[in-house]
């Protein structure tokens, strides 16, 4: 029985890609093909990142959100469908969410 390849390791270009980074951390910012929101996908197959690594990914998503005019953003790294490869979604904050610059 063969194990299914990791969809996030393969990253097929089926949605819009915004940026790809190699230093200081390998990751790609693209639209999620499941929820159609910008997300950052770690370029390594692991389930966790350090706070510093997450901050780098959040800043890249903030820039994409600003460019797209998304307004207030929530950073959601609850990995539902692919729990063993770190990724972080930038979701538009609902109207009831407290308005702060660093909502996460």
PDB file of N, CA and C in Angstrom:
ATOM      1  N   UNK A   1       0.841  -1.173   0.000  1.00  0.00           N
ATOM      2  CA  UNK A   1       0.000   0.000   0.000  1.00  0.00           C
ATOM      3  C   UNK A   1       0.894   1.247   0.000  1.00  0.00           C
ATOM      4  N   UNK A   2       0.763   2.071  -1.013  1.00  0.00           N
ATOM      5  CA  UNK A   2       1.617   3.260  -1.106  1.00  0.00           C
ATOM      6  C   UNK A   2       0.953   4.454  -0.443  1.00  0.00           C
ATOM      7  N   UNK A   3       1.793   5.277   0.177  1.00  0.00           N
ATOM      8  CA  UNK A   3       1.313   6.477   0.836  1.00  0.00           C
ATOM      9  C   UNK A   3       1.081   7.564  -0.200  1.00  0.00           C
ATOM     10  N   UNK A   4       0.004   8.315  -0.034  1.00  0.00           N
ATOM     11  CA  UNK A   4      -0.323   9.406  -0.949  1.00  0.00           C
ATOM     12  C   UNK A   4       0.703  10.527  -0.822  1.00  0.00           C
ATOM     13  N   UNK A   5       1.171  11.099  -1.943  1.00  0.00           N
ATOM     14  CA  UNK A   5       2.134  12.208  -1.855  1.00  0.00           C
ATOM     15  C   UNK A   5       1.481  13.447  -1.226  1.00  0.00           C
ATOM     16  N   UNK A   6       2.289  14.264  -0.595  1.00  0.00           N
ATOM     17  CA  UNK A   6       1.798  15.477   0.054  1.00  0.00           C
ATOM     18  C   UNK A   6       1.459  16.536  -0.998  1.00  0.00           C
ATOM     19  N   UNK A   7       0.226  16.965  -1.002  1.00  0.00           N
ATOM     20  CA  UNK A   7      -0.254  17.976  -1.944  1.00  0.00           C
ATOM     21  C   UNK A   7       0.500  19.303  -1.792  1.00  0.00           C
ATOM     22  N   UNK A   8       0.883  19.648  -0.562  1.00  0.00           N
ATOM     23  CA  UNK A   8       1.585  20.915  -0.339  1.00  0.00           C
ATOM     24  C   UNK A   8       3.073  20.826  -0.660  1.00  0.00           C
ATOM     25  N   UNK A   9       3.641  19.635  -0.632  1.00  0.00           N
ATOM     26  CA  UNK A   9       5.027  19.475  -1.078  1.00  0.00           C
ATOM     27  C   UNK A   9       5.104  19.622  -2.600  1.00  0.00           C
ATOM     28  N   UNK A  10       4.096  19.141  -3.291  1.00  0.00           N
ATOM     29  CA  UNK A  10       4.078  19.194  -4.757  1.00  0.00           C
ATOM     30  C   UNK A  10       3.657  20.554  -5.294  1.00  0.00           C
ATOM     31  N   UNK A  11       2.751  21.262  -4.623  1.00  0.00           N
ATOM     32  CA  UNK A  11       2.259  22.591  -5.001  1.00  0.00           C
ATOM     33  C   UNK A  11       2.067  22.786  -6.500  1.00  0.00           C
ATOM     34  N   UNK A  12       1.051  22.180  -7.024  1.00  0.00           N
ATOM     35  CA  UNK A  12       0.682  22.345  -8.426  1.00  0.00           C
ATOM     36  C   UNK A  12       0.153  23.771  -8.620  1.00  0.00           C
ATOM     37  N   UNK A  13       0.528  24.401  -9.708  1.00  0.00           N
ATOM     38  CA  UNK A  13       0.100  25.787  -9.977  1.00  0.00           C
ATOM     39  C   UNK A  13      -1.321  25.813 -10.545  1.00  0.00           C
ATOM     40  N   UNK A  14      -2.291  25.543  -9.691  1.00  0.00           N
ATOM     41  CA  UNK A  14      -3.688  25.546 -10.136  1.00  0.00           C
ATOM     42  C   UNK A  14      -4.424  26.807  -9.681  1.00  0.00           C
ATOM     43  N   UNK A  15      -3.781  27.642  -8.871  1.00  0.00           N
ATOM     44  CA  UNK A  15      -4.366  28.901  -8.403  1.00  0.00           C
ATOM     45  C   UNK A  15      -3.339  30.013  -8.587  1.00  0.00           C
ATOM     46  N   UNK A  16      -3.739  31.223  -8.244  1.00  0.00           N
ATOM     47  CA  UNK A  16      -2.843  32.372  -8.371  1.00  0.00           C
ATOM     48  C   UNK A  16      -1.732  32.296  -7.320  1.00  0.00           C
ATOM     49  N   UNK A  17      -0.501  32.489  -7.766  1.00  0.00           N
ATOM     50  CA  UNK A  17       0.666  32.557  -6.873  1.00  0.00           C
ATOM     51  C   UNK A  17       1.064  34.018  -6.753  1.00  0.00           C
ATOM     52  N   UNK A  18       1.374  34.452  -5.536  1.00  0.00           N
ATOM     53  CA  UNK A  18       1.761  35.834  -5.288  1.00  0.00           C
ATOM     54  C   UNK A  18       3.269  35.995  -5.141  1.00  0.00           C
ATOM     55  N   UNK A  19       3.910  35.083  -4.437  1.00  0.00           N
ATOM     56  CA  UNK A  19       5.354  35.208  -4.200  1.00  0.00           C
ATOM     57  C   UNK A  19       5.909  33.870  -3.739  1.00  0.00           C
ATOM     58  N   UNK A  20       7.202  33.701  -4.001  1.00  0.00           N
ATOM     59  CA  UNK A  20       7.905  32.514  -3.519  1.00  0.00           C
ATOM     60  C   UNK A  20       9.195  33.003  -2.859  1.00  0.00           C
ATOM     61  N   UNK A  21       9.429  32.538  -1.648  1.00  0.00           N
ATOM     62  CA  UNK A  21      10.584  32.973  -0.866  1.00  0.00           C
ATOM     63  C   UNK A  21      11.520  31.795  -0.618  1.00  0.00           C
ATOM     64  N   UNK A  22      12.810  32.098  -0.549  1.00  0.00           N
ATOM     65  CA  UNK A  22      13.810  31.068  -0.310  1.00  0.00           C
ATOM     66  C   UNK A  22      14.662  31.356   0.925  1.00  0.00           C
ATOM     67  N   UNK A  23      14.756  32.648   1.290  1.00  0.00           N
ATOM     68  CA  UNK A  23      15.583  33.044   2.423  1.00  0.00           C
ATOM     69  C   UNK A  23      14.873  34.151   3.188  1.00  0.00           C
ATOM     70  N   UNK A  24      14.804  34.144   4.452  1.00  0.00           N
ATOM     71  CA  UNK A  24      15.446  33.230   5.396  1.00  0.00           C
ATOM     72  C   UNK A  24      14.652  31.942   5.615  1.00  0.00           C
ATOM     73  N   UNK A  25      13.527  31.809   4.939  1.00  0.00           N
ATOM     74  CA  UNK A  25      12.638  30.669   5.130  1.00  0.00           C
ATOM     75  C   UNK A  25      11.998  30.317   3.794  1.00  0.00           C
ATOM     76  N   UNK A  26      12.030  29.049   3.385  1.00  0.00           N
ATOM     77  CA  UNK A  26      11.378  28.695   2.121  1.00  0.00           C
ATOM     78  C   UNK A  26       9.866  28.569   2.300  1.00  0.00           C
ATOM     79  N   UNK A  27       9.112  29.413   1.575  1.00  0.00           N
ATOM     80  CA  UNK A  27       7.654  29.300   1.569  1.00  0.00           C
ATOM     81  C   UNK A  27       7.089  30.008   0.351  1.00  0.00           C
ATOM     82  N   UNK A  28       5.847  29.677   0.032  1.00  0.00           N
ATOM     83  CA  UNK A  28       5.159  30.247  -1.117  1.00  0.00           C
ATOM     84  C   UNK A  28       3.840  30.838  -0.647  1.00  0.00           C
ATOM     85  N   UNK A  29       3.471  31.989  -1.216  1.00  0.00           N
ATOM     86  CA  UNK A  29       2.180  32.609  -0.933  1.00  0.00           C
ATOM     87  C   UNK A  29       1.329  32.465  -2.187  1.00  0.00           C
ATOM     88  N   UNK A  30       0.174  31.837  -2.024  1.00  0.00           N
ATOM     89  CA  UNK A  30      -0.714  31.547  -3.143  1.00  0.00           C
ATOM     90  C   UNK A  30      -2.149  31.480  -2.656  1.00  0.00           C
ATOM     91  N   UNK A  31      -3.106  31.412  -3.576  1.00  0.00           N
ATOM     92  CA  UNK A  31      -4.500  31.219  -3.200  1.00  0.00           C
ATOM     93  C   UNK A  31      -4.748  29.748  -2.928  1.00  0.00           C
ATOM     94  N   UNK A  32      -5.441  29.471  -1.835  1.00  0.00           N
ATOM     95  CA  UNK A  32      -5.813  28.107  -1.459  1.00  0.00           C
ATOM     96  C   UNK A  32      -6.840  27.589  -2.461  1.00  0.00           C
ATOM     97  N   UNK A  33      -6.640  26.378  -2.951  1.00  0.00           N
ATOM     98  CA  UNK A  33      -7.591  25.840  -3.921  1.00  0.00           C
ATOM     99  C   UNK A  33      -8.863  25.308  -3.270  1.00  0.00           C
ATOM    100  N   UNK A  34      -8.893  25.221  -1.940  1.00  0.00           N
ATOM    101  CA  UNK A  34     -10.099  24.768  -1.243  1.00  0.00           C
ATOM    102  C   UNK A  34     -10.992  25.934  -0.814  1.00  0.00           C
ATOM    103  N   UNK A  35     -10.375  27.006  -0.286  1.00  0.00           N
ATOM    104  CA  UNK A  35     -11.190  28.104   0.257  1.00  0.00           C
ATOM    105  C   UNK A  35     -10.985  29.429  -0.475  1.00  0.00           C
ATOM    106  N   UNK A  36     -10.123  29.459  -1.480  1.00  0.00           N
ATOM    107  CA  UNK A  36      -9.915  30.635  -2.326  1.00  0.00           C
ATOM    108  C   UNK A  36      -9.477  31.865  -1.533  1.00  0.00           C
ATOM    109  N   UNK A  37      -8.660  31.656  -0.500  1.00  0.00           N
ATOM    110  CA  UNK A  37      -8.081  32.768   0.250  1.00  0.00           C
ATOM    111  C   UNK A  37      -6.562  32.658   0.162  1.00  0.00           C
ATOM    112  N   UNK A  38      -5.844  33.772   0.308  1.00  0.00           N
ATOM    113  CA  UNK A  38      -4.388  33.688   0.290  1.00  0.00           C
ATOM    114  C   UNK A  38      -3.875  32.838   1.450  1.00  0.00           C
ATOM    115  N   UNK A  39      -2.833  32.070   1.171  1.00  0.00           N
ATOM    116  CA  UNK A  39      -2.205  31.278   2.224  1.00  0.00           C
ATOM    117  C   UNK A  39      -0.715  31.192   1.957  1.00  0.00           C
ATOM    118  N   UNK A  40       0.024  30.964   3.027  1.00  0.00           N
ATOM    119  CA  UNK A  40       1.467  30.751   2.935  1.00  0.00           C
ATOM    120  C   UNK A  40       1.723  29.278   3.231  1.00  0.00           C
ATOM    121  N   UNK A  41       2.495  28.641   2.369  1.00  0.00           N
ATOM    122  CA  UNK A  41       2.802  27.216   2.510  1.00  0.00           C
ATOM    123  C   UNK A  41       4.302  27.068   2.738  1.00  0.00           C
ATOM    124  N   UNK A  42       4.653  26.455   3.850  1.00  0.00           N
ATOM    125  CA  UNK A  42       6.047  26.202   4.162  1.00  0.00           C
ATOM    126  C   UNK A  42       6.685  25.342   3.075  1.00  0.00           C
ATOM    127  N   UNK A  43       7.909  25.638   2.714  1.00  0.00           N
ATOM    128  CA  UNK A  43       8.614  24.901   1.673  1.00  0.00           C
ATOM    129  C   UNK A  43       9.271  23.625   2.149  1.00  0.00           C
ATOM    130  N   UNK A  44       9.004  23.243   3.367  1.00  0.00           N
ATOM    131  CA  UNK A  44       9.538  22.003   3.942  1.00  0.00           C
ATOM    132  C   UNK A  44       8.374  21.215   4.522  1.00  0.00           C
ATOM    133  N   UNK A  45       8.467  19.901   4.472  1.00  0.00           N
ATOM    134  CA  UNK A  45       7.388  19.073   5.004  1.00  0.00           C
ATOM    135  C   UNK A  45       7.568  18.878   6.511  1.00  0.00           C
ATOM    136  N   UNK A  46       6.916  19.768   7.268  1.00  0.00           N
ATOM    137  CA  UNK A  46       6.858  19.654   8.731  1.00  0.00           C
ATOM    138  C   UNK A  46       5.602  20.370   9.198  1.00  0.00           C
ATOM    139  N   UNK A  47       5.119  19.995  10.364  1.00  0.00           N
ATOM    140  CA  UNK A  47       3.822  20.485  10.840  1.00  0.00           C
ATOM    141  C   UNK A  47       3.902  21.745  11.688  1.00  0.00           C
ATOM    142  N   UNK A  48       5.082  22.130  12.138  1.00  0.00           N
ATOM    143  CA  UNK A  48       5.196  23.292  13.018  1.00  0.00           C
ATOM    144  C   UNK A  48       6.289  24.238  12.533  1.00  0.00           C
ATOM    145  N   UNK A  49       6.166  25.486  12.962  1.00  0.00           N
ATOM    146  CA  UNK A  49       7.191  26.500  12.697  1.00  0.00           C
ATOM    147  C   UNK A  49       7.457  27.242  13.996  1.00  0.00           C
ATOM    148  N   UNK A  50       8.579  27.921  14.060  1.00  0.00           N
ATOM    149  CA  UNK A  50       8.880  28.755  15.226  1.00  0.00           C
ATOM    150  C   UNK A  50       8.051  30.038  15.137  1.00  0.00           C
ATOM    151  N   UNK A  51       7.994  30.779  16.238  1.00  0.00           N
ATOM    152  CA  UNK A  51       7.288  32.066  16.238  1.00  0.00           C
ATOM    153  C   UNK A  51       7.915  33.027  15.220  1.00  0.00           C
ATOM    154  N   UNK A  52       9.243  32.994  15.114  1.00  0.00           N
ATOM    155  CA  UNK A  52       9.932  33.866  14.153  1.00  0.00           C
ATOM    156  C   UNK A  52       9.565  33.493  12.715  1.00  0.00           C
ATOM    157  N   UNK A  53       9.521  32.209  12.423  1.00  0.00           N
ATOM    158  CA  UNK A  53       9.147  31.758  11.079  1.00  0.00           C
ATOM    159  C   UNK A  53       7.700  32.136  10.762  1.00  0.00           C
ATOM    160  N   UNK A  54       6.817  31.943  11.743  1.00  0.00           N
ATOM    161  CA  UNK A  54       5.408  32.309  11.538  1.00  0.00           C
ATOM    162  C   UNK A  54       5.287  33.808  11.280  1.00  0.00           C
ATOM    163  N   UNK A  55       6.044  34.626  12.005  1.00  0.00           N
ATOM    164  CA  UNK A  55       6.000  36.084  11.833  1.00  0.00           C
ATOM    165  C   UNK A  55       6.411  36.487  10.416  1.00  0.00           C
ATOM    166  N   UNK A  56       7.395  35.819   9.846  1.00  0.00           N
ATOM    167  CA  UNK A  56       7.825  36.102   8.474  1.00  0.00           C
ATOM    168  C   UNK A  56       6.690  35.791   7.500  1.00  0.00           C
ATOM    169  N   UNK A  57       6.026  34.667   7.708  1.00  0.00           N
ATOM    170  CA  UNK A  57       4.924  34.267   6.831  1.00  0.00           C
ATOM    171  C   UNK A  57       3.725  35.210   6.990  1.00  0.00           C
ATOM    172  N   UNK A  58       3.449  35.625   8.218  1.00  0.00           N
ATOM    173  CA  UNK A  58       2.355  36.566   8.477  1.00  0.00           C
ATOM    174  C   UNK A  58       2.618  37.881   7.756  1.00  0.00           C
ATOM    175  N   UNK A  59       3.846  38.384   7.824  1.00  0.00           N
ATOM    176  CA  UNK A  59       4.167  39.666   7.159  1.00  0.00           C
ATOM    177  C   UNK A  59       3.950  39.578   5.649  1.00  0.00           C
ATOM    178  N   UNK A  60       4.339  38.467   5.040  1.00  0.00           N
ATOM    179  CA  UNK A  60       4.119  38.289   3.604  1.00  0.00           C
ATOM    180  C   UNK A  60       2.625  38.264   3.293  1.00  0.00           C
ATOM    181  N   UNK A  61       1.841  37.584   4.127  1.00  0.00           N
ATOM    182  CA  UNK A  61       0.385  37.551   3.920  1.00  0.00           C
ATOM    183  C   UNK A  61      -0.247  38.916   4.154  1.00  0.00           C
ATOM    184  N   UNK A  62       0.279  39.691   5.100  1.00  0.00           N
ATOM    185  CA  UNK A  62      -0.219  41.052   5.311  1.00  0.00           C
ATOM    186  C   UNK A  62      -0.033  41.893   4.054  1.00  0.00           C
ATOM    187  N   UNK A  63       1.130  41.768   3.414  1.00  0.00           N
ATOM    188  CA  UNK A  63       1.394  42.540   2.189  1.00  0.00           C
ATOM    189  C   UNK A  63       0.434  42.135   1.076  1.00  0.00           C
ATOM    190  N   UNK A  64       0.171  40.839   0.935  1.00  0.00           N
ATOM    191  CA  UNK A  64      -0.781  40.377  -0.071  1.00  0.00           C
ATOM    192  C   UNK A  64      -2.180  40.892   0.264  1.00  0.00           C
ATOM    193  N   UNK A  65      -2.562  40.796   1.532  1.00  0.00           N
ATOM    194  CA  UNK A  65      -3.875  41.287   1.955  1.00  0.00           C
ATOM    195  C   UNK A  65      -4.053  42.769   1.695  1.00  0.00           C
ATOM    196  N   UNK A  66      -3.006  43.554   1.960  1.00  0.00           N
ATOM    197  CA  UNK A  66      -3.057  44.996   1.687  1.00  0.00           C
ATOM    198  C   UNK A  66      -3.213  45.251   0.195  1.00  0.00           C
ATOM    199  N   UNK A  67      -2.463  44.524  -0.613  1.00  0.00           N
ATOM    200  CA  UNK A  67      -2.526  44.685  -2.065  1.00  0.00           C
ATOM    201  C   UNK A  67      -3.916  44.334  -2.605  1.00  0.00           C
ATOM    202  N   UNK A  68      -4.518  43.289  -2.059  1.00  0.00           N
ATOM    203  CA  UNK A  68      -5.839  42.853  -2.512  1.00  0.00           C
ATOM    204  C   UNK A  68      -6.980  43.638  -1.883  1.00  0.00           C
ATOM    205  N   UNK A  69      -6.668  44.480  -0.882  1.00  0.00           N
ATOM    206  CA  UNK A  69      -7.701  45.250  -0.205  1.00  0.00           C
ATOM    207  C   UNK A  69      -8.620  44.398   0.655  1.00  0.00           C
ATOM    208  N   UNK A  70      -8.050  43.413   1.344  1.00  0.00           N
ATOM    209  CA  UNK A  70      -8.859  42.501   2.161  1.00  0.00           C
ATOM    210  C   UNK A  70      -9.328  43.109   3.471  1.00  0.00           C
ATOM    211  N   UNK A  71      -8.769  44.223   3.873  1.00  0.00           N
ATOM    212  CA  UNK A  71      -9.148  44.826   5.151  1.00  0.00           C
ATOM    213  C   UNK A  71      -8.511  44.086   6.305  1.00  0.00           C
ATOM    214  N   UNK A  72      -9.238  43.995   7.413  1.00  0.00           N
ATOM    215  CA  UNK A  72      -8.710  43.286   8.585  1.00  0.00           C
ATOM    216  C   UNK A  72      -8.626  41.797   8.292  1.00  0.00           C
ATOM    217  N   UNK A  73      -7.512  41.195   8.694  1.00  0.00           N
ATOM    218  CA  UNK A  73      -7.247  39.787   8.381  1.00  0.00           C
ATOM    219  C   UNK A  73      -7.043  38.989   9.661  1.00  0.00           C
ATOM    220  N   UNK A  74      -7.547  37.771   9.649  1.00  0.00           N
ATOM    221  CA  UNK A  74      -7.250  36.780  10.690  1.00  0.00           C
ATOM    222  C   UNK A  74      -6.247  35.812  10.100  1.00  0.00           C
ATOM    223  N   UNK A  75      -5.265  35.407  10.870  1.00  0.00           N
ATOM    224  CA  UNK A  75      -4.276  34.439  10.408  1.00  0.00           C
ATOM    225  C   UNK A  75      -4.609  33.093  11.026  1.00  0.00           C
ATOM    226  N   UNK A  76      -5.052  32.179  10.183  1.00  0.00           N
ATOM    227  CA  UNK A  76      -5.582  30.890  10.605  1.00  0.00           C
ATOM    228  C   UNK A  76      -4.609  29.784  10.217  1.00  0.00           C
ATOM    229  N   UNK A  77      -3.953  29.188  11.225  1.00  0.00           N
ATOM    230  CA  UNK A  77      -3.060  28.071  10.928  1.00  0.00           C
ATOM    231  C   UNK A  77      -3.586  26.771  11.536  1.00  0.00           C
ATOM    232  N   UNK A  78      -4.900  26.668  11.617  1.00  0.00           N
ATOM    233  CA  UNK A  78      -5.518  25.399  12.004  1.00  0.00           C
ATOM    234  C   UNK A  78      -5.586  24.548  10.736  1.00  0.00           C
ATOM    235  N   UNK A  79      -4.738  23.572  10.664  1.00  0.00           N
ATOM    236  CA  UNK A  79      -4.547  22.802   9.435  1.00  0.00           C
ATOM    237  C   UNK A  79      -5.521  21.618   9.415  1.00  0.00           C
ATOM    238  N   UNK A  80      -6.622  21.809   8.755  1.00  0.00           N
ATOM    239  CA  UNK A  80      -7.701  20.837   8.772  1.00  0.00           C
ATOM    240  C   UNK A  80      -7.482  19.689   7.785  1.00  0.00           C
ATOM    241  N   UNK A  81      -7.309  19.998   6.525  1.00  0.00           N
ATOM    242  CA  UNK A  81      -7.233  18.960   5.487  1.00  0.00           C
ATOM    243  C   UNK A  81      -5.849  18.337   5.352  1.00  0.00           C
ATOM    244  N   UNK A  82      -4.812  19.115   5.602  1.00  0.00           N
ATOM    245  CA  UNK A  82      -3.440  18.618   5.490  1.00  0.00           C
ATOM    246  C   UNK A  82      -2.719  18.973   6.788  1.00  0.00           C
ATOM    247  N   UNK A  83      -2.884  18.151   7.829  1.00  0.00           N
ATOM    248  CA  UNK A  83      -2.388  18.508   9.159  1.00  0.00           C
ATOM    249  C   UNK A  83      -0.884  18.343   9.371  1.00  0.00           C
ATOM    250  N   UNK A  84      -0.181  17.700   8.442  1.00  0.00           N
ATOM    251  CA  UNK A  84       1.238  17.438   8.686  1.00  0.00           C
ATOM    252  C   UNK A  84       2.191  18.305   7.861  1.00  0.00           C
ATOM    253  N   UNK A  85       1.657  19.322   7.155  1.00  0.00           N
ATOM    254  CA  UNK A  85       2.491  20.251   6.382  1.00  0.00           C
ATOM    255  C   UNK A  85       2.010  21.665   6.720  1.00  0.00           C
ATOM    256  N   UNK A  86       2.876  22.452   7.377  1.00  0.00           N
ATOM    257  CA  UNK A  86       2.465  23.769   7.877  1.00  0.00           C
ATOM    258  C   UNK A  86       2.027  24.703   6.759  1.00  0.00           C
ATOM    259  N   UNK A  87       0.863  25.310   6.973  1.00  0.00           N
ATOM    260  CA  UNK A  87       0.349  26.353   6.094  1.00  0.00           C
ATOM    261  C   UNK A  87      -0.528  27.287   6.919  1.00  0.00           C
ATOM    262  N   UNK A  88      -0.658  28.506   6.457  1.00  0.00           N
ATOM    263  CA  UNK A  88      -1.293  29.585   7.200  1.00  0.00           C
ATOM    264  C   UNK A  88      -2.187  30.376   6.255  1.00  0.00           C
ATOM    265  N   UNK A  89      -3.484  30.453   6.570  1.00  0.00           N
ATOM    266  CA  UNK A  89      -4.434  31.187   5.729  1.00  0.00           C
ATOM    267  C   UNK A  89      -4.615  32.619   6.230  1.00  0.00           C
ATOM    268  N   UNK A  90      -4.835  33.531   5.294  1.00  0.00           N
ATOM    269  CA  UNK A  90      -5.183  34.922   5.611  1.00  0.00           C
ATOM    270  C   UNK A  90      -6.667  35.076   5.310  1.00  0.00           C
ATOM    271  N   UNK A  91      -7.489  35.084   6.340  1.00  0.00           N
ATOM    272  CA  UNK A  91      -8.937  35.156   6.162  1.00  0.00           C
ATOM    273  C   UNK A  91      -9.434  36.558   6.520  1.00  0.00           C
ATOM    274  N   UNK A  92     -10.390  37.055   5.747  1.00  0.00           N
ATOM    275  CA  UNK A  92     -10.999  38.336   6.064  1.00  0.00           C
ATOM    276  C   UNK A  92     -11.731  38.204   7.387  1.00  0.00           C
ATOM    277  N   UNK A  93     -11.477  39.138   8.291  1.00  0.00           N
ATOM    278  CA  UNK A  93     -12.102  39.103   9.623  1.00  0.00           C
ATOM    279  C   UNK A  93     -13.591  39.392   9.500  1.00  0.00           C
ATOM    280  N   UNK A  94     -14.427  38.627  10.217  1.00  0.00           N
ATOM    281  CA  UNK A  94     -15.868  38.915  10.191  1.00  0.00           C
ATOM    282  C   UNK A  94     -16.165  40.246  10.878  1.00  0.00           C
ATOM    283  N   UNK A  95     -17.325  40.800  10.622  1.00  0.00           N
ATOM    284  CA  UNK A  95     -17.700  42.117  11.150  1.00  0.00           C
ATOM    285  C   UNK A  95     -17.649  42.162  12.678  1.00  0.00           C
ATOM    286  N   UNK A  96     -17.927  41.058  13.346  1.00  0.00           N
ATOM    287  CA  UNK A  96     -17.955  41.045  14.811  1.00  0.00           C
ATOM    288  C   UNK A  96     -16.560  40.932  15.435  1.00  0.00           C
ATOM    289  N   UNK A  97     -15.517  40.646  14.633  1.00  0.00           N
ATOM    290  CA  UNK A  97     -14.171  40.467  15.163  1.00  0.00           C
ATOM    291  C   UNK A  97     -13.598  41.790  15.653  1.00  0.00           C
ATOM    292  N   UNK A  98     -12.948  41.826  16.822  1.00  0.00           N
ATOM    293  CA  UNK A  98     -12.339  43.068  17.312  1.00  0.00           C
ATOM    294  C   UNK A  98     -11.335  43.624  16.302  1.00  0.00           C
ATOM    295  N   UNK A  99     -11.414  44.898  16.023  1.00  0.00           N
ATOM    296  CA  UNK A  99     -10.544  45.527  15.023  1.00  0.00           C
ATOM    297  C   UNK A  99      -9.236  45.980  15.655  1.00  0.00           C
ATOM    298  N   UNK A 100      -8.164  45.241  15.333  1.00  0.00           N
ATOM    299  CA  UNK A 100      -6.818  45.617  15.762  1.00  0.00           C
ATOM    300  C   UNK A 100      -5.888  45.403  14.596  1.00  0.00           C
ATOM    301  N   UNK A 101      -4.773  46.038  14.597  1.00  0.00           N
ATOM    302  CA  UNK A 101      -3.802  45.927  13.508  1.00  0.00           C
ATOM    303  C   UNK A 101      -3.262  44.514  13.384  1.00  0.00           C
ATOM    304  N   UNK A 102      -3.035  43.834  14.473  1.00  0.00           N
ATOM    305  CA  UNK A 102      -2.404  42.524  14.414  1.00  0.00           C
ATOM    306  C   UNK A 102      -3.376  41.414  14.826  1.00  0.00           C
ATOM    307  N   UNK A 103      -4.562  41.414  14.261  1.00  0.00           N
ATOM    308  CA  UNK A 103      -5.528  40.343  14.562  1.00  0.00           C
ATOM    309  C   UNK A 103      -4.961  39.026  14.099  1.00  0.00           C
ATOM    310  N   UNK A 104      -4.864  38.064  15.013  1.00  0.00           N
ATOM    311  CA  UNK A 104      -4.383  36.727  14.634  1.00  0.00           C
ATOM    312  C   UNK A 104      -4.922  35.684  15.568  1.00  0.00           C
TER     313      UNK A 104
END
